[in-house]
């Protein structure tokens, strides 16, 4: 998905190349993100969800333990990455505002 696998800056820090595909970033409430995750799952859209716990934990085993305790209903999602046909993604995100820093 990215361009050159590795770019190295003057300090020797590695970076990913430029994405070959557009990445559109929109903003939504945690409730809306949860709704999008559910709809993507049900529609078979490729997604990666980012539960709130993921921002505090860096180990998959520990994250798994937290998620096991929370269950799907209690999970707060902070972000979701969607990858599929534009028409499918637009059905889920089409009216959301673009993210602005």
PDB file of N, CA and C in Angstrom:
ATOM      1  N   UNK A   1       0.824  -1.190   0.000  1.00  0.00           N
ATOM      2  CA  UNK A   1       0.000   0.000   0.000  1.00  0.00           C
ATOM      3  C   UNK A   1       0.865   1.249   0.000  1.00  0.00           C
ATOM      4  N   UNK A   2       1.982   1.206   0.667  1.00  0.00           N
ATOM      5  CA  UNK A   2       2.858   2.360   0.697  1.00  0.00           C
ATOM      6  C   UNK A   2       3.816   2.313  -0.490  1.00  0.00           C
ATOM      7  N   UNK A   3       4.479   3.418  -0.731  1.00  0.00           N
ATOM      8  CA  UNK A   3       5.453   3.501  -1.810  1.00  0.00           C
ATOM      9  C   UNK A   3       6.699   2.718  -1.445  1.00  0.00           C
ATOM     10  N   UNK A   4       7.845   3.361  -1.492  1.00  0.00           N
ATOM     11  CA  UNK A   4       9.070   2.677  -1.102  1.00  0.00           C
ATOM     12  C   UNK A   4       8.930   2.140   0.297  1.00  0.00           C
ATOM     13  N   UNK A   5       9.455   0.959   0.518  1.00  0.00           N
ATOM     14  CA  UNK A   5       9.303   0.308   1.806  1.00  0.00           C
ATOM     15  C   UNK A   5       9.918   1.118   2.937  1.00  0.00           C
ATOM     16  N   UNK A   6      11.093   1.665   2.706  1.00  0.00           N
ATOM     17  CA  UNK A   6      11.759   2.409   3.770  1.00  0.00           C
ATOM     18  C   UNK A   6      12.454   3.641   3.209  1.00  0.00           C
ATOM     19  N   UNK A   7      12.215   4.762   3.852  1.00  0.00           N
ATOM     20  CA  UNK A   7      12.935   5.998   3.582  1.00  0.00           C
ATOM     21  C   UNK A   7      13.707   6.315   4.856  1.00  0.00           C
ATOM     22  N   UNK A   8      14.912   6.812   4.716  1.00  0.00           N
ATOM     23  CA  UNK A   8      15.735   7.111   5.888  1.00  0.00           C
ATOM     24  C   UNK A   8      16.082   8.586   5.877  1.00  0.00           C
ATOM     25  N   UNK A   9      15.841   9.260   7.015  1.00  0.00           N
ATOM     26  CA  UNK A   9      16.154  10.687   7.084  1.00  0.00           C
ATOM     27  C   UNK A   9      17.608  10.899   7.508  1.00  0.00           C
ATOM     28  N   UNK A  10      18.002  12.152   7.626  1.00  0.00           N
ATOM     29  CA  UNK A  10      19.395  12.506   7.926  1.00  0.00           C
ATOM     30  C   UNK A  10      19.874  11.959   9.267  1.00  0.00           C
ATOM     31  N   UNK A  11      18.933  11.695  10.195  1.00  0.00           N
ATOM     32  CA  UNK A  11      19.298  11.153  11.500  1.00  0.00           C
ATOM     33  C   UNK A  11      19.294   9.628  11.528  1.00  0.00           C
ATOM     34  N   UNK A  12      18.947   9.007  10.396  1.00  0.00           N
ATOM     35  CA  UNK A  12      18.900   7.560  10.328  1.00  0.00           C
ATOM     36  C   UNK A  12      17.562   6.962  10.728  1.00  0.00           C
ATOM     37  N   UNK A  13      16.556   7.804  10.958  1.00  0.00           N
ATOM     38  CA  UNK A  13      15.227   7.330  11.327  1.00  0.00           C
ATOM     39  C   UNK A  13      14.505   6.828  10.082  1.00  0.00           C
ATOM     40  N   UNK A  14      13.877   5.653  10.184  1.00  0.00           N
ATOM     41  CA  UNK A  14      13.172   5.058   9.052  1.00  0.00           C
ATOM     42  C   UNK A  14      11.730   5.553   8.988  1.00  0.00           C
ATOM     43  N   UNK A  15      11.230   5.745   7.774  1.00  0.00           N
ATOM     44  CA  UNK A  15       9.860   6.196   7.512  1.00  0.00           C
ATOM     45  C   UNK A  15       9.278   5.358   6.384  1.00  0.00           C
ATOM     46  N   UNK A  16       7.943   5.253   6.345  1.00  0.00           N
ATOM     47  CA  UNK A  16       7.264   4.600   5.240  1.00  0.00           C
ATOM     48  C   UNK A  16       7.201   5.552   4.053  1.00  0.00           C
ATOM     49  N   UNK A  17       7.138   4.985   2.852  1.00  0.00           N
ATOM     50  CA  UNK A  17       6.988   5.799   1.650  1.00  0.00           C
ATOM     51  C   UNK A  17       5.578   6.354   1.536  1.00  0.00           C
ATOM     52  N   UNK A  18       5.346   7.144   0.517  1.00  0.00           N
ATOM     53  CA  UNK A  18       4.043   7.771   0.283  1.00  0.00           C
ATOM     54  C   UNK A  18       3.037   6.711  -0.146  1.00  0.00           C
ATOM     55  N   UNK A  19       1.845   6.777   0.391  1.00  0.00           N
ATOM     56  CA  UNK A  19       0.801   5.816   0.066  1.00  0.00           C
ATOM     57  C   UNK A  19       0.465   5.874  -1.420  1.00  0.00           C
ATOM     58  N   UNK A  20       0.281   4.715  -2.012  1.00  0.00           N
ATOM     59  CA  UNK A  20      -0.119   4.634  -3.416  1.00  0.00           C
ATOM     60  C   UNK A  20      -1.607   4.888  -3.577  1.00  0.00           C
ATOM     61  N   UNK A  21      -2.334   4.817  -2.482  1.00  0.00           N
ATOM     62  CA  UNK A  21      -3.774   4.989  -2.509  1.00  0.00           C
ATOM     63  C   UNK A  21      -4.157   6.136  -1.585  1.00  0.00           C
ATOM     64  N   UNK A  22      -5.224   6.853  -1.928  1.00  0.00           N
ATOM     65  CA  UNK A  22      -5.622   7.966  -1.061  1.00  0.00           C
ATOM     66  C   UNK A  22      -6.114   7.455   0.288  1.00  0.00           C
ATOM     67  N   UNK A  23      -5.768   8.178   1.327  1.00  0.00           N
ATOM     68  CA  UNK A  23      -6.241   7.876   2.666  1.00  0.00           C
ATOM     69  C   UNK A  23      -7.100   9.051   3.108  1.00  0.00           C
ATOM     70  N   UNK A  24      -8.371   8.809   3.284  1.00  0.00           N
ATOM     71  CA  UNK A  24      -9.297   9.852   3.684  1.00  0.00           C
ATOM     72  C   UNK A  24      -9.559   9.686   5.180  1.00  0.00           C
ATOM     73  N   UNK A  25      -9.357  10.733   5.939  1.00  0.00           N
ATOM     74  CA  UNK A  25      -9.543  10.672   7.386  1.00  0.00           C
ATOM     75  C   UNK A  25     -10.725  11.561   7.747  1.00  0.00           C
ATOM     76  N   UNK A  26     -11.716  10.945   8.387  1.00  0.00           N
ATOM     77  CA  UNK A  26     -12.896  11.684   8.813  1.00  0.00           C
ATOM     78  C   UNK A  26     -12.990  11.599  10.330  1.00  0.00           C
ATOM     79  N   UNK A  27     -13.839  12.417  10.889  1.00  0.00           N
ATOM     80  CA  UNK A  27     -14.002  12.435  12.344  1.00  0.00           C
ATOM     81  C   UNK A  27     -15.429  12.033  12.693  1.00  0.00           C
ATOM     82  N   UNK A  28     -15.558  11.380  13.851  1.00  0.00           N
ATOM     83  CA  UNK A  28     -16.880  10.937  14.302  1.00  0.00           C
ATOM     84  C   UNK A  28     -16.837  10.715  15.806  1.00  0.00           C
ATOM     85  N   UNK A  29     -18.009  10.700  16.400  1.00  0.00           N
ATOM     86  CA  UNK A  29     -18.119  10.406  17.839  1.00  0.00           C
ATOM     87  C   UNK A  29     -17.781   8.934  18.069  1.00  0.00           C
ATOM     88  N   UNK A  30     -17.485   8.595  19.313  1.00  0.00           N
ATOM     89  CA  UNK A  30     -17.192   7.197  19.626  1.00  0.00           C
ATOM     90  C   UNK A  30     -18.409   6.305  19.344  1.00  0.00           C
ATOM     91  N   UNK A  31     -19.596   6.822  19.545  1.00  0.00           N
ATOM     92  CA  UNK A  31     -20.802   6.039  19.239  1.00  0.00           C
ATOM     93  C   UNK A  31     -20.909   5.756  17.746  1.00  0.00           C
ATOM     94  N   UNK A  32     -20.610   6.765  16.925  1.00  0.00           N
ATOM     95  CA  UNK A  32     -20.665   6.586  15.469  1.00  0.00           C
ATOM     96  C   UNK A  32     -19.578   5.615  15.014  1.00  0.00           C
ATOM     97  N   UNK A  33     -18.388   5.716  15.594  1.00  0.00           N
ATOM     98  CA  UNK A  33     -17.312   4.793  15.233  1.00  0.00           C
ATOM     99  C   UNK A  33     -17.732   3.360  15.569  1.00  0.00           C
ATOM    100  N   UNK A  34     -18.349   3.169  16.709  1.00  0.00           N
ATOM    101  CA  UNK A  34     -18.818   1.835  17.100  1.00  0.00           C
ATOM    102  C   UNK A  34     -19.846   1.323  16.086  1.00  0.00           C
ATOM    103  N   UNK A  35     -20.729   2.186  15.660  1.00  0.00           N
ATOM    104  CA  UNK A  35     -21.732   1.829  14.659  1.00  0.00           C
ATOM    105  C   UNK A  35     -21.056   1.422  13.341  1.00  0.00           C
ATOM    106  N   UNK A  36     -20.043   2.174  12.934  1.00  0.00           N
ATOM    107  CA  UNK A  36     -19.323   1.869  11.702  1.00  0.00           C
ATOM    108  C   UNK A  36     -18.604   0.526  11.818  1.00  0.00           C
ATOM    109  N   UNK A  37     -17.979   0.266  12.952  1.00  0.00           N
ATOM    110  CA  UNK A  37     -17.301  -1.025  13.170  1.00  0.00           C
ATOM    111  C   UNK A  37     -18.307  -2.163  13.024  1.00  0.00           C
ATOM    112  N   UNK A  38     -19.453  -2.017  13.656  1.00  0.00           N
ATOM    113  CA  UNK A  38     -20.488  -3.054  13.590  1.00  0.00           C
ATOM    114  C   UNK A  38     -20.971  -3.256  12.159  1.00  0.00           C
ATOM    115  N   UNK A  39     -21.239  -2.169  11.454  1.00  0.00           N
ATOM    116  CA  UNK A  39     -21.722  -2.264  10.083  1.00  0.00           C
ATOM    117  C   UNK A  39     -20.665  -2.856   9.150  1.00  0.00           C
ATOM    118  N   UNK A  40     -19.411  -2.472   9.351  1.00  0.00           N
ATOM    119  CA  UNK A  40     -18.328  -3.021   8.528  1.00  0.00           C
ATOM    120  C   UNK A  40     -18.209  -4.522   8.752  1.00  0.00           C
ATOM    121  N   UNK A  41     -18.273  -4.933   9.993  1.00  0.00           N
ATOM    122  CA  UNK A  41     -18.202  -6.366  10.338  1.00  0.00           C
ATOM    123  C   UNK A  41     -19.339  -7.126   9.658  1.00  0.00           C
ATOM    124  N   UNK A  42     -20.544  -6.596   9.766  1.00  0.00           N
ATOM    125  CA  UNK A  42     -21.721  -7.265   9.199  1.00  0.00           C
ATOM    126  C   UNK A  42     -21.679  -7.308   7.674  1.00  0.00           C
ATOM    127  N   UNK A  43     -21.103  -6.274   7.051  1.00  0.00           N
ATOM    128  CA  UNK A  43     -21.051  -6.196   5.592  1.00  0.00           C
ATOM    129  C   UNK A  43     -19.835  -6.906   4.998  1.00  0.00           C
ATOM    130  N   UNK A  44     -18.949  -7.400   5.848  1.00  0.00           N
ATOM    131  CA  UNK A  44     -17.752  -8.067   5.346  1.00  0.00           C
ATOM    132  C   UNK A  44     -16.704  -7.110   4.798  1.00  0.00           C
ATOM    133  N   UNK A  45     -16.766  -5.847   5.216  1.00  0.00           N
ATOM    134  CA  UNK A  45     -15.784  -4.845   4.800  1.00  0.00           C
ATOM    135  C   UNK A  45     -14.516  -5.050   5.623  1.00  0.00           C
ATOM    136  N   UNK A  46     -13.375  -4.931   4.989  1.00  0.00           N
ATOM    137  CA  UNK A  46     -12.101  -5.075   5.691  1.00  0.00           C
ATOM    138  C   UNK A  46     -11.934  -3.882   6.635  1.00  0.00           C
ATOM    139  N   UNK A  47     -11.647  -4.177   7.906  1.00  0.00           N
ATOM    140  CA  UNK A  47     -11.500  -3.097   8.876  1.00  0.00           C
ATOM    141  C   UNK A  47     -10.505  -3.486   9.957  1.00  0.00           C
ATOM    142  N   UNK A  48      -9.955  -2.468  10.592  1.00  0.00           N
ATOM    143  CA  UNK A  48      -9.143  -2.635  11.795  1.00  0.00           C
ATOM    144  C   UNK A  48      -9.723  -1.662  12.802  1.00  0.00           C
ATOM    145  N   UNK A  49     -10.187  -2.187  13.928  1.00  0.00           N
ATOM    146  CA  UNK A  49     -10.756  -1.293  14.941  1.00  0.00           C
ATOM    147  C   UNK A  49      -9.702  -0.949  15.991  1.00  0.00           C
ATOM    148  N   UNK A  50      -9.865   0.213  16.563  1.00  0.00           N
ATOM    149  CA  UNK A  50      -8.933   0.711  17.579  1.00  0.00           C
ATOM    150  C   UNK A  50      -9.704   1.016  18.853  1.00  0.00           C
ATOM    151  N   UNK A  51      -9.864   0.001  19.716  1.00  0.00           N
ATOM    152  CA  UNK A  51     -10.524   0.242  21.003  1.00  0.00           C
ATOM    153  C   UNK A  51      -9.684   1.180  21.862  1.00  0.00           C
ATOM    154  N   UNK A  52     -10.345   1.884  22.744  1.00  0.00           N
ATOM    155  CA  UNK A  52      -9.662   2.841  23.619  1.00  0.00           C
ATOM    156  C   UNK A  52      -8.475   2.200  24.341  1.00  0.00           C
ATOM    157  N   UNK A  53      -8.637   0.961  24.767  1.00  0.00           N
ATOM    158  CA  UNK A  53      -7.566   0.266  25.497  1.00  0.00           C
ATOM    159  C   UNK A  53      -6.288   0.156  24.663  1.00  0.00           C
ATOM    160  N   UNK A  54      -6.418   0.114  23.348  1.00  0.00           N
ATOM    161  CA  UNK A  54      -5.251  -0.030  22.473  1.00  0.00           C
ATOM    162  C   UNK A  54      -4.302   1.166  22.590  1.00  0.00           C
ATOM    163  N   UNK A  55      -4.827   2.307  22.969  1.00  0.00           N
ATOM    164  CA  UNK A  55      -3.999   3.499  23.086  1.00  0.00           C
ATOM    165  C   UNK A  55      -3.207   3.522  24.395  1.00  0.00           C
ATOM    166  N   UNK A  56      -3.545   2.606  25.303  1.00  0.00           N
ATOM    167  CA  UNK A  56      -2.879   2.540  26.599  1.00  0.00           C
ATOM    168  C   UNK A  56      -2.021   1.293  26.752  1.00  0.00           C
ATOM    169  N   UNK A  57      -2.181   0.333  25.829  1.00  0.00           N
ATOM    170  CA  UNK A  57      -1.526  -0.972  25.930  1.00  0.00           C
ATOM    171  C   UNK A  57      -0.744  -1.226  24.652  1.00  0.00           C
ATOM    172  N   UNK A  58       0.433  -1.804  24.776  1.00  0.00           N
ATOM    173  CA  UNK A  58       1.234  -2.077  23.575  1.00  0.00           C
ATOM    174  C   UNK A  58       1.461  -3.571  23.349  1.00  0.00           C
ATOM    175  N   UNK A  59       0.801  -4.415  24.126  1.00  0.00           N
ATOM    176  CA  UNK A  59       0.991  -5.855  24.027  1.00  0.00           C
ATOM    177  C   UNK A  59      -0.342  -6.507  23.657  1.00  0.00           C
ATOM    178  N   UNK A  60      -0.358  -7.333  22.601  1.00  0.00           N
ATOM    179  CA  UNK A  60      -1.588  -7.980  22.155  1.00  0.00           C
ATOM    180  C   UNK A  60      -2.211  -8.869  23.222  1.00  0.00           C
ATOM    181  N   UNK A  61      -1.395  -9.574  23.990  1.00  0.00           N
ATOM    182  CA  UNK A  61      -1.940 -10.456  25.024  1.00  0.00           C
ATOM    183  C   UNK A  61      -2.674  -9.659  26.092  1.00  0.00           C
ATOM    184  N   UNK A  62      -2.083  -8.548  26.503  1.00  0.00           N
ATOM    185  CA  UNK A  62      -2.722  -7.697  27.505  1.00  0.00           C
ATOM    186  C   UNK A  62      -4.001  -7.078  26.944  1.00  0.00           C
ATOM    187  N   UNK A  63      -3.958  -6.633  25.681  1.00  0.00           N
ATOM    188  CA  UNK A  63      -5.152  -6.080  25.047  1.00  0.00           C
ATOM    189  C   UNK A  63      -6.253  -7.134  24.981  1.00  0.00           C
ATOM    190  N   UNK A  64      -5.884  -8.369  24.654  1.00  0.00           N
ATOM    191  CA  UNK A  64      -6.854  -9.454  24.593  1.00  0.00           C
ATOM    192  C   UNK A  64      -7.535  -9.666  25.941  1.00  0.00           C
ATOM    193  N   UNK A  65      -6.771  -9.591  27.011  1.00  0.00           N
ATOM    194  CA  UNK A  65      -7.339  -9.747  28.354  1.00  0.00           C
ATOM    195  C   UNK A  65      -8.341  -8.631  28.662  1.00  0.00           C
ATOM    196  N   UNK A  66      -7.989  -7.412  28.297  1.00  0.00           N
ATOM    197  CA  UNK A  66      -8.891  -6.273  28.535  1.00  0.00           C
ATOM    198  C   UNK A  66     -10.171  -6.446  27.732  1.00  0.00           C
ATOM    199  N   UNK A  67     -10.042  -6.824  26.466  1.00  0.00           N
ATOM    200  CA  UNK A  67     -11.220  -6.990  25.616  1.00  0.00           C
ATOM    201  C   UNK A  67     -12.089  -8.148  26.095  1.00  0.00           C
ATOM    202  N   UNK A  68     -11.471  -9.216  26.586  1.00  0.00           N
ATOM    203  CA  UNK A  68     -12.237 -10.343  27.129  1.00  0.00           C
ATOM    204  C   UNK A  68     -13.118  -9.897  28.293  1.00  0.00           C
ATOM    205  N   UNK A  69     -12.628  -8.957  29.087  1.00  0.00           N
ATOM    206  CA  UNK A  69     -13.390  -8.466  30.236  1.00  0.00           C
ATOM    207  C   UNK A  69     -14.500  -7.497  29.816  1.00  0.00           C
ATOM    208  N   UNK A  70     -14.254  -6.728  28.753  1.00  0.00           N
ATOM    209  CA  UNK A  70     -15.212  -5.702  28.353  1.00  0.00           C
ATOM    210  C   UNK A  70     -16.377  -6.264  27.551  1.00  0.00           C
ATOM    211  N   UNK A  71     -16.120  -7.150  26.635  1.00  0.00           N
ATOM    212  CA  UNK A  71     -17.177  -7.616  25.745  1.00  0.00           C
ATOM    213  C   UNK A  71     -17.531  -6.535  24.748  1.00  0.00           C
ATOM    214  N   UNK A  72     -18.108  -6.913  23.635  1.00  0.00           N
ATOM    215  CA  UNK A  72     -18.392  -5.986  22.538  1.00  0.00           C
ATOM    216  C   UNK A  72     -19.255  -4.798  22.884  1.00  0.00           C
ATOM    217  N   UNK A  73     -20.223  -4.990  23.768  1.00  0.00           N
ATOM    218  CA  UNK A  73     -21.149  -3.906  24.097  1.00  0.00           C
ATOM    219  C   UNK A  73     -20.454  -2.784  24.853  1.00  0.00           C
ATOM    220  N   UNK A  74     -19.477  -3.127  25.693  1.00  0.00           N
ATOM    221  CA  UNK A  74     -18.832  -2.137  26.551  1.00  0.00           C
ATOM    222  C   UNK A  74     -17.610  -1.472  25.924  1.00  0.00           C
ATOM    223  N   UNK A  75     -17.150  -1.949  24.774  1.00  0.00           N
ATOM    224  CA  UNK A  75     -15.927  -1.417  24.169  1.00  0.00           C
ATOM    225  C   UNK A  75     -16.181  -0.014  23.616  1.00  0.00           C
ATOM    226  N   UNK A  76     -15.281   0.906  23.937  1.00  0.00           N
ATOM    227  CA  UNK A  76     -15.299   2.247  23.355  1.00  0.00           C
ATOM    228  C   UNK A  76     -14.252   2.274  22.249  1.00  0.00           C
ATOM    229  N   UNK A  77     -14.682   2.601  21.041  1.00  0.00           N
ATOM    230  CA  UNK A  77     -13.767   2.672  19.910  1.00  0.00           C
ATOM    231  C   UNK A  77     -13.333   4.116  19.692  1.00  0.00           C
ATOM    232  N   UNK A  78     -12.048   4.309  19.439  1.00  0.00           N
ATOM    233  CA  UNK A  78     -11.507   5.641  19.168  1.00  0.00           C
ATOM    234  C   UNK A  78     -11.249   5.869  17.690  1.00  0.00           C
ATOM    235  N   UNK A  79     -11.101   4.782  16.930  1.00  0.00           N
ATOM    236  CA  UNK A  79     -10.824   4.914  15.502  1.00  0.00           C
ATOM    237  C   UNK A  79     -11.129   3.594  14.811  1.00  0.00           C
ATOM    238  N   UNK A  80     -11.267   3.663  13.503  1.00  0.00           N
ATOM    239  CA  UNK A  80     -11.413   2.466  12.676  1.00  0.00           C
ATOM    240  C   UNK A  80     -10.790   2.762  11.316  1.00  0.00           C
ATOM    241  N   UNK A  81     -10.078   1.787  10.794  1.00  0.00           N
ATOM    242  CA  UNK A  81      -9.498   1.869   9.459  1.00  0.00           C
ATOM    243  C   UNK A  81     -10.323   0.964   8.566  1.00  0.00           C
ATOM    244  N   UNK A  82     -10.818   1.496   7.458  1.00  0.00           N
ATOM    245  CA  UNK A  82     -11.622   0.729   6.519  1.00  0.00           C
ATOM    246  C   UNK A  82     -10.871   0.597   5.206  1.00  0.00           C
ATOM    247  N   UNK A  83     -10.909  -0.589   4.607  1.00  0.00           N
ATOM    248  CA  UNK A  83     -10.241  -0.820   3.320  1.00  0.00           C
ATOM    249  C   UNK A  83     -11.120  -1.725   2.482  1.00  0.00           C
ATOM    250  N   UNK A  84     -11.708  -1.156   1.446  1.00  0.00           N
ATOM    251  CA  UNK A  84     -12.569  -1.921   0.556  1.00  0.00           C
ATOM    252  C   UNK A  84     -12.956  -1.026  -0.611  1.00  0.00           C
ATOM    253  N   UNK A  85     -13.941  -1.410  -1.365  1.00  0.00           N
ATOM    254  CA  UNK A  85     -14.406  -0.587  -2.484  1.00  0.00           C
ATOM    255  C   UNK A  85     -14.923   0.740  -1.948  1.00  0.00           C
ATOM    256  N   UNK A  86     -14.629   1.807  -2.667  1.00  0.00           N
ATOM    257  CA  UNK A  86     -15.039   3.149  -2.241  1.00  0.00           C
ATOM    258  C   UNK A  86     -16.532   3.231  -1.973  1.00  0.00           C
ATOM    259  N   UNK A  87     -17.337   2.603  -2.816  1.00  0.00           N
ATOM    260  CA  UNK A  87     -18.790   2.687  -2.646  1.00  0.00           C
ATOM    261  C   UNK A  87     -19.234   2.085  -1.322  1.00  0.00           C
ATOM    262  N   UNK A  88     -18.608   0.998  -0.900  1.00  0.00           N
ATOM    263  CA  UNK A  88     -18.963   0.376   0.378  1.00  0.00           C
ATOM    264  C   UNK A  88     -18.574   1.269   1.552  1.00  0.00           C
ATOM    265  N   UNK A  89     -17.380   1.834   1.475  1.00  0.00           N
ATOM    266  CA  UNK A  89     -16.908   2.703   2.559  1.00  0.00           C
ATOM    267  C   UNK A  89     -17.722   3.988   2.613  1.00  0.00           C
ATOM    268  N   UNK A  90     -18.028   4.545   1.445  1.00  0.00           N
ATOM    269  CA  UNK A  90     -18.822   5.779   1.407  1.00  0.00           C
ATOM    270  C   UNK A  90     -20.197   5.593   2.028  1.00  0.00           C
ATOM    271  N   UNK A  91     -20.760   4.386   1.920  1.00  0.00           N
ATOM    272  CA  UNK A  91     -22.052   4.125   2.555  1.00  0.00           C
ATOM    273  C   UNK A  91     -21.964   4.260   4.069  1.00  0.00           C
ATOM    274  N   UNK A  92     -20.797   3.976   4.632  1.00  0.00           N
ATOM    275  CA  UNK A  92     -20.615   4.062   6.084  1.00  0.00           C
ATOM    276  C   UNK A  92     -20.143   5.435   6.544  1.00  0.00           C
ATOM    277  N   UNK A  93     -19.379   6.128   5.715  1.00  0.00           N
ATOM    278  CA  UNK A  93     -18.707   7.347   6.169  1.00  0.00           C
ATOM    279  C   UNK A  93     -19.023   8.592   5.342  1.00  0.00           C
ATOM    280  N   UNK A  94     -19.798   8.465   4.299  1.00  0.00           N
ATOM    281  CA  UNK A  94     -20.010   9.533   3.325  1.00  0.00           C
ATOM    282  C   UNK A  94     -20.364  10.899   3.863  1.00  0.00           C
ATOM    283  N   UNK A  95     -21.101  10.980   4.943  1.00  0.00           N
ATOM    284  CA  UNK A  95     -21.544  12.280   5.465  1.00  0.00           C
ATOM    285  C   UNK A  95     -20.721  12.780   6.645  1.00  0.00           C
ATOM    286  N   UNK A  96     -19.687  12.054   7.000  1.00  0.00           N
ATOM    287  CA  UNK A  96     -18.849  12.477   8.129  1.00  0.00           C
ATOM    288  C   UNK A  96     -17.905  13.593   7.689  1.00  0.00           C
ATOM    289  N   UNK A  97     -17.617  14.542   8.562  1.00  0.00           N
ATOM    290  CA  UNK A  97     -16.712  15.630   8.196  1.00  0.00           C
ATOM    291  C   UNK A  97     -15.264  15.157   8.155  1.00  0.00           C
ATOM    292  N   UNK A  98     -14.486  15.774   7.291  1.00  0.00           N
ATOM    293  CA  UNK A  98     -13.066  15.481   7.216  1.00  0.00           C
ATOM    294  C   UNK A  98     -12.387  15.890   8.512  1.00  0.00           C
ATOM    295  N   UNK A  99     -11.388  15.116   8.903  1.00  0.00           N
ATOM    296  CA  UNK A  99     -10.607  15.429  10.094  1.00  0.00           C
ATOM    297  C   UNK A  99      -9.792  16.685   9.839  1.00  0.00           C
ATOM    298  N   UNK A 100      -9.787  17.589  10.799  1.00  0.00           N
ATOM    299  CA  UNK A 100      -8.976  18.809  10.715  1.00  0.00           C
ATOM    300  C   UNK A 100      -8.179  18.921  11.986  1.00  0.00           C
ATOM    301  N   UNK A 101      -6.906  19.181  11.838  1.00  0.00           N
ATOM    302  CA  UNK A 101      -6.034  19.311  13.010  1.00  0.00           C
ATOM    303  C   UNK A 101      -6.236  20.636  13.673  1.00  0.00           C
TER     304      UNK A 101
END
